[in-house]
mmCIF file of all heavy atoms, coordinates in Angstrom:
data_MODEL
# 
_entry.id   MODEL 
# 
loop_
_atom_site.group_PDB 
_atom_site.id 
_atom_site.type_symbol 
_atom_site.label_atom_id 
_atom_site.label_alt_id 
_atom_site.label_comp_id 
_atom_site.label_asym_id 
_atom_site.label_entity_id 
_atom_site.label_seq_id 
_atom_site.pdbx_PDB_ins_code 
_atom_site.Cartn_x 
_atom_site.Cartn_y 
_atom_site.Cartn_z 
_atom_site.occupancy 
_atom_site.B_iso_or_equiv 
_atom_site.pdbx_formal_charge 
_atom_site.auth_seq_id 
_atom_site.auth_comp_id 
_atom_site.auth_asym_id 
_atom_site.auth_atom_id 
_atom_site.pdbx_PDB_model_num 
ATOM 1   N N   . VAL A 1 1  ? -2.201  18.848 10.707  1.00 0.00 ? 1  VAL A N   1 
ATOM 2   C CA  . VAL A 1 1  ? -0.897  18.946 10.061  1.00 0.00 ? 1  VAL A CA  1 
ATOM 3   C C   . VAL A 1 1  ? -1.046  19.206 8.568   1.00 0.00 ? 1  VAL A C   1 
ATOM 4   O O   . VAL A 1 1  ? -0.311  19.998 7.985   1.00 0.00 ? 1  VAL A O   1 
ATOM 5   C CB  . VAL A 1 1  ? -0.070  17.656 10.291  1.00 0.00 ? 1  VAL A CB  1 
ATOM 6   C CG1 . VAL A 1 1  ? 1.285   17.756 9.608   1.00 0.00 ? 1  VAL A CG1 1 
ATOM 7   C CG2 . VAL A 1 1  ? 0.089   17.391 11.769  1.00 0.00 ? 1  VAL A CG2 1 
ATOM 8   N N   . ALA A 1 2  ? -2.017  18.523 7.949   1.00 0.00 ? 2  ALA A N   1 
ATOM 9   C CA  . ALA A 1 2  ? -2.179  18.634 6.504   1.00 0.00 ? 2  ALA A CA  1 
ATOM 10  C C   . ALA A 1 2  ? -3.650  18.469 6.131   1.00 0.00 ? 2  ALA A C   1 
ATOM 11  O O   . ALA A 1 2  ? -4.445  17.896 6.882   1.00 0.00 ? 2  ALA A O   1 
ATOM 12  C CB  . ALA A 1 2  ? -1.338  17.583 5.791   1.00 0.00 ? 2  ALA A CB  1 
ATOM 13  N N   . TYR A 1 3  ? -3.955  18.973 4.950   1.00 0.00 ? 3  TYR A N   1 
ATOM 14  C CA  . TYR A 1 3  ? -5.303  18.927 4.400   1.00 0.00 ? 3  TYR A CA  1 
ATOM 15  C C   . TYR A 1 3  ? -5.228  18.234 3.047   1.00 0.00 ? 3  TYR A C   1 
ATOM 16  O O   . TYR A 1 3  ? -4.291  18.471 2.284   1.00 0.00 ? 3  TYR A O   1 
ATOM 17  C CB  . TYR A 1 3  ? -5.808  20.364 4.233   1.00 0.00 ? 3  TYR A CB  1 
ATOM 18  C CG  . TYR A 1 3  ? -7.133  20.501 3.539   1.00 0.00 ? 3  TYR A CG  1 
ATOM 19  C CD1 . TYR A 1 3  ? -8.312  20.323 4.239   1.00 0.00 ? 3  TYR A CD1 1 
ATOM 20  C CD2 . TYR A 1 3  ? -7.203  20.813 2.190   1.00 0.00 ? 3  TYR A CD2 1 
ATOM 21  C CE1 . TYR A 1 3  ? -9.541  20.452 3.605   1.00 0.00 ? 3  TYR A CE1 1 
ATOM 22  C CE2 . TYR A 1 3  ? -8.419  20.949 1.541   1.00 0.00 ? 3  TYR A CE2 1 
ATOM 23  C CZ  . TYR A 1 3  ? -9.583  20.766 2.269   1.00 0.00 ? 3  TYR A CZ  1 
ATOM 24  O OH  . TYR A 1 3  ? -10.798 20.892 1.640   1.00 0.00 ? 3  TYR A OH  1 
ATOM 25  N N   . MET A 1 4  ? -6.203  17.366 2.770   1.00 0.00 ? 4  MET A N   1 
ATOM 26  C CA  . MET A 1 4  ? -6.237  16.655 1.496   1.00 0.00 ? 4  MET A CA  1 
ATOM 27  C C   . MET A 1 4  ? -7.580  16.884 0.831   1.00 0.00 ? 4  MET A C   1 
ATOM 28  O O   . MET A 1 4  ? -8.606  16.976 1.512   1.00 0.00 ? 4  MET A O   1 
ATOM 29  C CB  . MET A 1 4  ? -6.026  15.154 1.738   1.00 0.00 ? 4  MET A CB  1 
ATOM 30  C CG  . MET A 1 4  ? -4.669  14.836 2.344   1.00 0.00 ? 4  MET A CG  1 
ATOM 31  S SD  . MET A 1 4  ? -4.631  13.274 3.256   1.00 0.00 ? 4  MET A SD  1 
ATOM 32  C CE  . MET A 1 4  ? -5.347  13.752 4.811   1.00 0.00 ? 4  MET A CE  1 
ATOM 33  N N   . ASN A 1 5  ? -7.554  16.983 -0.480  1.00 0.00 ? 5  ASN A N   1 
ATOM 34  C CA  . ASN A 1 5  ? -8.764  17.240 -1.245  1.00 0.00 ? 5  ASN A CA  1 
ATOM 35  C C   . ASN A 1 5  ? -8.690  16.451 -2.544  1.00 0.00 ? 5  ASN A C   1 
ATOM 36  O O   . ASN A 1 5  ? -7.617  16.325 -3.132  1.00 0.00 ? 5  ASN A O   1 
ATOM 37  C CB  . ASN A 1 5  ? -8.858  18.744 -1.545  1.00 0.00 ? 5  ASN A CB  1 
ATOM 38  C CG  . ASN A 1 5  ? -10.103 19.110 -2.281  1.00 0.00 ? 5  ASN A CG  1 
ATOM 39  O OD1 . ASN A 1 5  ? -11.189 18.686 -1.930  1.00 0.00 ? 5  ASN A OD1 1 
ATOM 40  N ND2 . ASN A 1 5  ? -9.956  19.898 -3.329  1.00 0.00 ? 5  ASN A ND2 1 
ATOM 41  N N   . ALA A 1 6  ? -9.836  15.917 -2.956  1.00 0.00 ? 6  ALA A N   1 
ATOM 42  C CA  . ALA A 1 6  ? -9.864  15.194 -4.231  1.00 0.00 ? 6  ALA A CA  1 
ATOM 43  C C   . ALA A 1 6  ? -11.224 15.382 -4.889  1.00 0.00 ? 6  ALA A C   1 
ATOM 44  O O   . ALA A 1 6  ? -12.240 15.533 -4.216  1.00 0.00 ? 6  ALA A O   1 
ATOM 45  C CB  . ALA A 1 6  ? -9.599  13.706 -4.016  1.00 0.00 ? 6  ALA A CB  1 
ATOM 46  N N   . SER A 1 7  ? -11.204 15.387 -6.199  1.00 0.00 ? 7  SER A N   1 
ATOM 47  C CA  . SER A 1 7  ? -12.446 15.370 -6.963  1.00 0.00 ? 7  SER A CA  1 
ATOM 48  C C   . SER A 1 7  ? -12.310 14.303 -8.036  1.00 0.00 ? 7  SER A C   1 
ATOM 49  O O   . SER A 1 7  ? -11.244 14.129 -8.622  1.00 0.00 ? 7  SER A O   1 
ATOM 50  C CB  . SER A 1 7  ? -12.749 16.735 -7.579  1.00 0.00 ? 7  SER A CB  1 
ATOM 51  O OG  . SER A 1 7  ? -11.733 17.114 -8.462  1.00 0.00 ? 7  SER A OG  1 
ATOM 52  N N   . ILE A 1 8  ? -13.411 13.582 -8.246  1.00 0.00 ? 8  ILE A N   1 
ATOM 53  C CA  . ILE A 1 8  ? -13.422 12.505 -9.238  1.00 0.00 ? 8  ILE A CA  1 
ATOM 54  C C   . ILE A 1 8  ? -14.590 12.766 -10.177 1.00 0.00 ? 8  ILE A C   1 
ATOM 55  O O   . ILE A 1 8  ? -15.741 12.574 -9.808  1.00 0.00 ? 8  ILE A O   1 
ATOM 56  C CB  . ILE A 1 8  ? -13.610 11.128 -8.586  1.00 0.00 ? 8  ILE A CB  1 
ATOM 57  C CG1 . ILE A 1 8  ? -12.625 10.916 -7.451  1.00 0.00 ? 8  ILE A CG1 1 
ATOM 58  C CG2 . ILE A 1 8  ? -13.461 10.027 -9.637  1.00 0.00 ? 8  ILE A CG2 1 
ATOM 59  C CD1 . ILE A 1 8  ? -12.959 9.722  -6.581  1.00 0.00 ? 8  ILE A CD1 1 
ATOM 60  N N   . PRO A 1 9  ? -14.309 13.244 -11.383 1.00 0.00 ? 9  PRO A N   1 
ATOM 61  C CA  . PRO A 1 9  ? -15.390 13.415 -12.344 1.00 0.00 ? 9  PRO A CA  1 
ATOM 62  C C   . PRO A 1 9  ? -15.877 12.054 -12.834 1.00 0.00 ? 9  PRO A C   1 
ATOM 63  O O   . PRO A 1 9  ? -15.093 11.103 -12.909 1.00 0.00 ? 9  PRO A O   1 
ATOM 64  C CB  . PRO A 1 9  ? -14.759 14.210 -13.478 1.00 0.00 ? 9  PRO A CB  1 
ATOM 65  C CG  . PRO A 1 9  ? -13.297 14.036 -13.328 1.00 0.00 ? 9  PRO A CG  1 
ATOM 66  C CD  . PRO A 1 9  ? -13.020 13.668 -11.908 1.00 0.00 ? 9  PRO A CD  1 
ATOM 67  N N   . VAL A 1 10 ? -17.155 11.947 -13.133 1.00 0.00 ? 10 VAL A N   1 
ATOM 68  C CA  . VAL A 1 10 ? -17.703 10.686 -13.637 1.00 0.00 ? 10 VAL A CA  1 
ATOM 69  C C   . VAL A 1 10 ? -16.952 10.301 -14.906 1.00 0.00 ? 10 VAL A C   1 
ATOM 70  O O   . VAL A 1 10 ? -16.829 11.096 -15.838 1.00 0.00 ? 10 VAL A O   1 
ATOM 71  C CB  . VAL A 1 10 ? -19.218 10.815 -13.902 1.00 0.00 ? 10 VAL A CB  1 
ATOM 72  C CG1 . VAL A 1 10 ? -19.741 9.567  -14.600 1.00 0.00 ? 10 VAL A CG1 1 
ATOM 73  C CG2 . VAL A 1 10 ? -19.960 11.042 -12.603 1.00 0.00 ? 10 VAL A CG2 1 
ATOM 74  N N   . GLY A 1 11 ? -16.391 9.099  -14.893 1.00 0.00 ? 11 GLY A N   1 
ATOM 75  C CA  . GLY A 1 11 ? -15.668 8.598  -16.058 1.00 0.00 ? 11 GLY A CA  1 
ATOM 76  C C   . GLY A 1 11 ? -14.320 9.244  -16.278 1.00 0.00 ? 11 GLY A C   1 
ATOM 77  O O   . GLY A 1 11 ? -13.700 9.041  -17.315 1.00 0.00 ? 11 GLY A O   1 
ATOM 78  N N   . GLY A 1 12 ? -13.839 10.011 -15.300 1.00 0.00 ? 12 GLY A N   1 
ATOM 79  C CA  . GLY A 1 12 ? -12.568 10.707 -15.489 1.00 0.00 ? 12 GLY A CA  1 
ATOM 80  C C   . GLY A 1 12 ? -11.523 10.331 -14.452 1.00 0.00 ? 12 GLY A C   1 
ATOM 81  O O   . GLY A 1 12 ? -11.752 9.496  -13.579 1.00 0.00 ? 12 GLY A O   1 
ATOM 82  N N   . ALA A 1 13 ? -10.385 10.966 -14.563 1.00 0.00 ? 13 ALA A N   1 
ATOM 83  C CA  . ALA A 1 13 ? -9.278  10.722 -13.646 1.00 0.00 ? 13 ALA A CA  1 
ATOM 84  C C   . ALA A 1 13 ? -9.413  11.626 -12.420 1.00 0.00 ? 13 ALA A C   1 
ATOM 85  O O   . ALA A 1 13 ? -9.861  12.766 -12.535 1.00 0.00 ? 13 ALA A O   1 
ATOM 86  C CB  . ALA A 1 13 ? -7.953  11.001 -14.343 1.00 0.00 ? 13 ALA A CB  1 
ATOM 87  N N   . PRO A 1 14 ? -9.014  11.136 -11.250 1.00 0.00 ? 14 PRO A N   1 
ATOM 88  C CA  . PRO A 1 14 ? -9.121  11.954 -10.050 1.00 0.00 ? 14 PRO A CA  1 
ATOM 89  C C   . PRO A 1 14 ? -8.090  13.071 -10.040 1.00 0.00 ? 14 PRO A C   1 
ATOM 90  O O   . PRO A 1 14 ? -7.016  12.963 -10.628 1.00 0.00 ? 14 PRO A O   1 
ATOM 91  C CB  . PRO A 1 14 ? -8.847  10.959 -8.918  1.00 0.00 ? 14 PRO A CB  1 
ATOM 92  C CG  . PRO A 1 14 ? -7.963  9.934  -9.533  1.00 0.00 ? 14 PRO A CG  1 
ATOM 93  C CD  . PRO A 1 14 ? -8.424  9.827  -10.959 1.00 0.00 ? 14 PRO A CD  1 
ATOM 94  N N   . ASN A 1 15 ? -8.446  14.139 -9.360  1.00 0.00 ? 15 ASN A N   1 
ATOM 95  C CA  . ASN A 1 15 ? -7.530  15.251 -9.111  1.00 0.00 ? 15 ASN A CA  1 
ATOM 96  C C   . ASN A 1 15 ? -7.333  15.282 -7.603  1.00 0.00 ? 15 ASN A C   1 
ATOM 97  O O   . ASN A 1 15 ? -8.277  15.549 -6.857  1.00 0.00 ? 15 ASN A O   1 
ATOM 98  C CB  . ASN A 1 15 ? -8.137  16.559 -9.621  1.00 0.00 ? 15 ASN A CB  1 
ATOM 99  C CG  . ASN A 1 15 ? -7.258  17.744 -9.344  1.00 0.00 ? 15 ASN A CG  1 
ATOM 100 O OD1 . ASN A 1 15 ? -6.139  17.610 -8.858  1.00 0.00 ? 15 ASN A OD1 1 
ATOM 101 N ND2 . ASN A 1 15 ? -7.756  18.918 -9.639  1.00 0.00 ? 15 ASN A ND2 1 
ATOM 102 N N   . ILE A 1 16 ? -6.118  14.976 -7.148  1.00 0.00 ? 16 ILE A N   1 
ATOM 103 C CA  . ILE A 1 16 ? -5.818  14.898 -5.720  1.00 0.00 ? 16 ILE A CA  1 
ATOM 104 C C   . ILE A 1 16 ? -4.818  15.975 -5.362  1.00 0.00 ? 16 ILE A C   1 
ATOM 105 O O   . ILE A 1 16 ? -3.800  16.143 -6.040  1.00 0.00 ? 16 ILE A O   1 
ATOM 106 C CB  . ILE A 1 16 ? -5.234  13.509 -5.358  1.00 0.00 ? 16 ILE A CB  1 
ATOM 107 C CG1 . ILE A 1 16 ? -6.214  12.400 -5.756  1.00 0.00 ? 16 ILE A CG1 1 
ATOM 108 C CG2 . ILE A 1 16 ? -4.899  13.429 -3.877  1.00 0.00 ? 16 ILE A CG2 1 
ATOM 109 C CD1 . ILE A 1 16 ? -5.651  10.998 -5.630  1.00 0.00 ? 16 ILE A CD1 1 
ATOM 110 N N   . SER A 1 17 ? -5.107  16.711 -4.275  1.00 0.00 ? 17 SER A N   1 
ATOM 111 C CA  . SER A 1 17 ? -4.161  17.726 -3.827  1.00 0.00 ? 17 SER A CA  1 
ATOM 112 C C   . SER A 1 17 ? -3.981  17.641 -2.314  1.00 0.00 ? 17 SER A C   1 
ATOM 113 O O   . SER A 1 17 ? -4.833  17.114 -1.607  1.00 0.00 ? 17 SER A O   1 
ATOM 114 C CB  . SER A 1 17 ? -4.622  19.129 -4.229  1.00 0.00 ? 17 SER A CB  1 
ATOM 115 O OG  . SER A 1 17 ? -5.842  19.444 -3.600  1.00 0.00 ? 17 SER A OG  1 
ATOM 116 N N   . ARG A 1 18 ? -2.860  18.160 -1.867  1.00 0.00 ? 18 ARG A N   1 
ATOM 117 C CA  . ARG A 1 18 ? -2.523  18.167 -0.442  1.00 0.00 ? 18 ARG A CA  1 
ATOM 118 C C   . ARG A 1 18 ? -1.928  19.520 -0.088  1.00 0.00 ? 18 ARG A C   1 
ATOM 119 O O   . ARG A 1 18 ? -1.266  20.134 -0.918  1.00 0.00 ? 18 ARG A O   1 
ATOM 120 C CB  . ARG A 1 18 ? -1.477  17.103 -0.126  1.00 0.00 ? 18 ARG A CB  1 
ATOM 121 C CG  . ARG A 1 18 ? -1.877  15.711 -0.464  1.00 0.00 ? 18 ARG A CG  1 
ATOM 122 C CD  . ARG A 1 18 ? -0.654  14.789 -0.363  1.00 0.00 ? 18 ARG A CD  1 
ATOM 123 N NE  . ARG A 1 18 ? -0.989  13.441 -0.731  1.00 0.00 ? 18 ARG A NE  1 
ATOM 124 C CZ  . ARG A 1 18 ? -1.061  12.998 -1.974  1.00 0.00 ? 18 ARG A CZ  1 
ATOM 125 N NH1 . ARG A 1 18 ? -0.819  13.809 -2.975  1.00 0.00 ? 18 ARG A NH1 1 
ATOM 126 N NH2 . ARG A 1 18 ? -1.375  11.757 -2.224  1.00 0.00 ? 18 ARG A NH2 1 
ATOM 127 N N   . ALA A 1 19 ? -2.145  19.932 1.145   1.00 0.00 ? 19 ALA A N   1 
ATOM 128 C CA  . ALA A 1 19 ? -1.529  21.167 1.634   1.00 0.00 ? 19 ALA A CA  1 
ATOM 129 C C   . ALA A 1 19 ? -1.002  20.900 3.037   1.00 0.00 ? 19 ALA A C   1 
ATOM 130 O O   . ALA A 1 19 ? -1.758  20.460 3.911   1.00 0.00 ? 19 ALA A O   1 
ATOM 131 C CB  . ALA A 1 19 ? -2.539  22.307 1.661   1.00 0.00 ? 19 ALA A CB  1 
ATOM 132 N N   . ILE A 1 20 ? 0.268   21.108 3.229   1.00 0.00 ? 20 ILE A N   1 
ATOM 133 C CA  . ILE A 1 20 ? 0.863   20.961 4.561   1.00 0.00 ? 20 ILE A CA  1 
ATOM 134 C C   . ILE A 1 20 ? 0.642   22.274 5.289   1.00 0.00 ? 20 ILE A C   1 
ATOM 135 O O   . ILE A 1 20 ? 1.050   23.340 4.816   1.00 0.00 ? 20 ILE A O   1 
ATOM 136 C CB  . ILE A 1 20 ? 2.355   20.607 4.469   1.00 0.00 ? 20 ILE A CB  1 
ATOM 137 C CG1 . ILE A 1 20 ? 2.498   19.238 3.798   1.00 0.00 ? 20 ILE A CG1 1 
ATOM 138 C CG2 . ILE A 1 20 ? 3.003   20.617 5.845   1.00 0.00 ? 20 ILE A CG2 1 
ATOM 139 C CD1 . ILE A 1 20 ? 3.908   18.856 3.442   1.00 0.00 ? 20 ILE A CD1 1 
ATOM 140 N N   . GLN A 1 21 ? -0.009  22.197 6.437   1.00 0.00 ? 21 GLN A N   1 
ATOM 141 C CA  . GLN A 1 21 ? -0.371  23.395 7.175   1.00 0.00 ? 21 GLN A CA  1 
ATOM 142 C C   . GLN A 1 21 ? 0.579   23.699 8.331   1.00 0.00 ? 21 GLN A C   1 
ATOM 143 O O   . GLN A 1 21 ? 0.647   24.830 8.789   1.00 0.00 ? 21 GLN A O   1 
ATOM 144 C CB  . GLN A 1 21 ? -1.805  23.267 7.684   1.00 0.00 ? 21 GLN A CB  1 
ATOM 145 C CG  . GLN A 1 21 ? -2.778  23.171 6.520   1.00 0.00 ? 21 GLN A CG  1 
ATOM 146 C CD  . GLN A 1 21 ? -4.165  22.826 6.966   1.00 0.00 ? 21 GLN A CD  1 
ATOM 147 O OE1 . GLN A 1 21 ? -4.379  21.784 7.554   1.00 0.00 ? 21 GLN A OE1 1 
ATOM 148 N NE2 . GLN A 1 21 ? -5.094  23.709 6.687   1.00 0.00 ? 21 GLN A NE2 1 
ATOM 149 N N   . ASN A 1 22 ? 1.264   22.670 8.820   1.00 0.00 ? 22 ASN A N   1 
ATOM 150 C CA  . ASN A 1 22 ? 2.204   22.863 9.920   1.00 0.00 ? 22 ASN A CA  1 
ATOM 151 C C   . ASN A 1 22 ? 3.490   22.117 9.553   1.00 0.00 ? 22 ASN A C   1 
ATOM 152 O O   . ASN A 1 22 ? 3.594   20.911 9.769   1.00 0.00 ? 22 ASN A O   1 
ATOM 153 C CB  . ASN A 1 22 ? 1.595   22.340 11.227  1.00 0.00 ? 22 ASN A CB  1 
ATOM 154 C CG  . ASN A 1 22 ? 2.447   22.639 12.437  1.00 0.00 ? 22 ASN A CG  1 
ATOM 155 O OD1 . ASN A 1 22 ? 3.669   22.559 12.368  1.00 0.00 ? 22 ASN A OD1 1 
ATOM 156 N ND2 . ASN A 1 22 ? 1.800   22.957 13.545  1.00 0.00 ? 22 ASN A ND2 1 
ATOM 157 N N   . VAL A 1 23 ? 4.434   22.843 8.996   1.00 0.00 ? 23 VAL A N   1 
ATOM 158 C CA  . VAL A 1 23 ? 5.673   22.235 8.492   1.00 0.00 ? 23 VAL A CA  1 
ATOM 159 C C   . VAL A 1 23 ? 6.479   21.590 9.613   1.00 0.00 ? 23 VAL A C   1 
ATOM 160 O O   . VAL A 1 23 ? 7.044   20.509 9.443   1.00 0.00 ? 23 VAL A O   1 
ATOM 161 C CB  . VAL A 1 23 ? 6.529   23.281 7.732   1.00 0.00 ? 23 VAL A CB  1 
ATOM 162 C CG1 . VAL A 1 23 ? 7.859   22.684 7.309   1.00 0.00 ? 23 VAL A CG1 1 
ATOM 163 C CG2 . VAL A 1 23 ? 5.780   23.788 6.526   1.00 0.00 ? 23 VAL A CG2 1 
ATOM 164 N N   . GLU A 1 24 ? 6.519   22.223 10.769  1.00 0.00 ? 24 GLU A N   1 
ATOM 165 C CA  . GLU A 1 24 ? 7.286   21.676 11.894  1.00 0.00 ? 24 GLU A CA  1 
ATOM 166 C C   . GLU A 1 24 ? 6.733   20.310 12.319  1.00 0.00 ? 24 GLU A C   1 
ATOM 167 O O   . GLU A 1 24 ? 7.484   19.354 12.483  1.00 0.00 ? 24 GLU A O   1 
ATOM 168 C CB  . GLU A 1 24 ? 7.250   22.648 13.076  1.00 0.00 ? 24 GLU A CB  1 
ATOM 169 C CG  . GLU A 1 24 ? 8.091   22.203 14.260  1.00 0.00 ? 24 GLU A CG  1 
ATOM 170 C CD  . GLU A 1 24 ? 8.053   23.203 15.397  1.00 0.00 ? 24 GLU A CD  1 
ATOM 171 O OE1 . GLU A 1 24 ? 8.044   24.423 15.115  1.00 0.00 ? 24 GLU A OE1 1 
ATOM 172 O OE2 . GLU A 1 24 ? 8.024   22.759 16.553  1.00 0.00 ? 24 GLU A OE2 1 
ATOM 173 N N   . LEU A 1 25 ? 5.410   20.220 12.489  1.00 0.00 ? 25 LEU A N   1 
ATOM 174 C CA  . LEU A 1 25 ? 4.808   18.932 12.844  1.00 0.00 ? 25 LEU A CA  1 
ATOM 175 C C   . LEU A 1 25 ? 4.962   17.923 11.717  1.00 0.00 ? 25 LEU A C   1 
ATOM 176 O O   . LEU A 1 25 ? 5.160   16.731 11.966  1.00 0.00 ? 25 LEU A O   1 
ATOM 177 C CB  . LEU A 1 25 ? 3.326   19.105 13.183  1.00 0.00 ? 25 LEU A CB  1 
ATOM 178 C CG  . LEU A 1 25 ? 3.001   19.600 14.579  1.00 0.00 ? 25 LEU A CG  1 
ATOM 179 C CD1 . LEU A 1 25 ? 1.496   19.757 14.753  1.00 0.00 ? 25 LEU A CD1 1 
ATOM 180 C CD2 . LEU A 1 25 ? 3.557   18.663 15.633  1.00 0.00 ? 25 LEU A CD2 1 
ATOM 181 N N   . PHE A 1 26 ? 4.871   18.376 10.482  1.00 0.00 ? 26 PHE A N   1 
ATOM 182 C CA  . PHE A 1 26 ? 5.078   17.472 9.344   1.00 0.00 ? 26 PHE A CA  1 
ATOM 183 C C   . PHE A 1 26 ? 6.481   16.872 9.396   1.00 0.00 ? 26 PHE A C   1 
ATOM 184 O O   . PHE A 1 26 ? 6.651   15.660 9.255   1.00 0.00 ? 26 PHE A O   1 
ATOM 185 C CB  . PHE A 1 26 ? 4.869   18.204 8.018   1.00 0.00 ? 26 PHE A CB  1 
ATOM 186 C CG  . PHE A 1 26 ? 5.216   17.359 6.822   1.00 0.00 ? 26 PHE A CG  1 
ATOM 187 C CD1 . PHE A 1 26 ? 4.342   16.390 6.361   1.00 0.00 ? 26 PHE A CD1 1 
ATOM 188 C CD2 . PHE A 1 26 ? 6.427   17.519 6.164   1.00 0.00 ? 26 PHE A CD2 1 
ATOM 189 C CE1 . PHE A 1 26 ? 4.654   15.594 5.265   1.00 0.00 ? 26 PHE A CE1 1 
ATOM 190 C CE2 . PHE A 1 26 ? 6.754   16.739 5.072   1.00 0.00 ? 26 PHE A CE2 1 
ATOM 191 C CZ  . PHE A 1 26 ? 5.862   15.770 4.618   1.00 0.00 ? 26 PHE A CZ  1 
ATOM 192 N N   . ASN A 1 27 ? 7.474   17.712 9.588   1.00 0.00 ? 27 ASN A N   1 
ATOM 193 C CA  . ASN A 1 27 ? 8.858   17.237 9.601   1.00 0.00 ? 27 ASN A CA  1 
ATOM 194 C C   . ASN A 1 27 ? 9.132   16.262 10.742  1.00 0.00 ? 27 ASN A C   1 
ATOM 195 O O   . ASN A 1 27 ? 9.895   15.308 10.569  1.00 0.00 ? 27 ASN A O   1 
ATOM 196 C CB  . ASN A 1 27 ? 9.832   18.415 9.666   1.00 0.00 ? 27 ASN A CB  1 
ATOM 197 C CG  . ASN A 1 27 ? 9.910   19.165 8.353   1.00 0.00 ? 27 ASN A CG  1 
ATOM 198 O OD1 . ASN A 1 27 ? 9.665   18.598 7.290   1.00 0.00 ? 27 ASN A OD1 1 
ATOM 199 N ND2 . ASN A 1 27 ? 10.231  20.444 8.422   1.00 0.00 ? 27 ASN A ND2 1 
ATOM 200 N N   . THR A 1 28 ? 8.510   16.466 11.897  1.00 0.00 ? 28 THR A N   1 
ATOM 201 C CA  . THR A 1 28 ? 8.759   15.570 13.029  1.00 0.00 ? 28 THR A CA  1 
ATOM 202 C C   . THR A 1 28 ? 7.889   14.314 12.995  1.00 0.00 ? 28 THR A C   1 
ATOM 203 O O   . THR A 1 28 ? 8.170   13.363 13.718  1.00 0.00 ? 28 THR A O   1 
ATOM 204 C CB  . THR A 1 28 ? 8.568   16.295 14.380  1.00 0.00 ? 28 THR A CB  1 
ATOM 205 O OG1 . THR A 1 28 ? 7.246   16.830 14.444  1.00 0.00 ? 28 THR A OG1 1 
ATOM 206 C CG2 . THR A 1 28 ? 9.585   17.397 14.564  1.00 0.00 ? 28 THR A CG2 1 
ATOM 207 N N   . ASN A 1 29 ? 6.851   14.315 12.175  1.00 0.00 ? 29 ASN A N   1 
ATOM 208 C CA  . ASN A 1 29 ? 5.938   13.167 12.082  1.00 0.00 ? 29 ASN A CA  1 
ATOM 209 C C   . ASN A 1 29 ? 5.728   12.729 10.638  1.00 0.00 ? 29 ASN A C   1 
ATOM 210 O O   . ASN A 1 29 ? 4.662   12.234 10.276  1.00 0.00 ? 29 ASN A O   1 
ATOM 211 C CB  . ASN A 1 29 ? 4.581   13.531 12.700  1.00 0.00 ? 29 ASN A CB  1 
ATOM 212 C CG  . ASN A 1 29 ? 4.689   13.885 14.159  1.00 0.00 ? 29 ASN A CG  1 
ATOM 213 O OD1 . ASN A 1 29 ? 4.748   13.018 15.004  1.00 0.00 ? 29 ASN A OD1 1 
ATOM 214 N ND2 . ASN A 1 29 ? 4.733   15.181 14.449  1.00 0.00 ? 29 ASN A ND2 1 
# 
């Protein structure tokens, strides 16, 4: 339904992203 990705640089703030791949399944779940 969705994909998640994150990177955490040493001593830094995380960068988190998400991509919804199936909108219909996302909406029903």
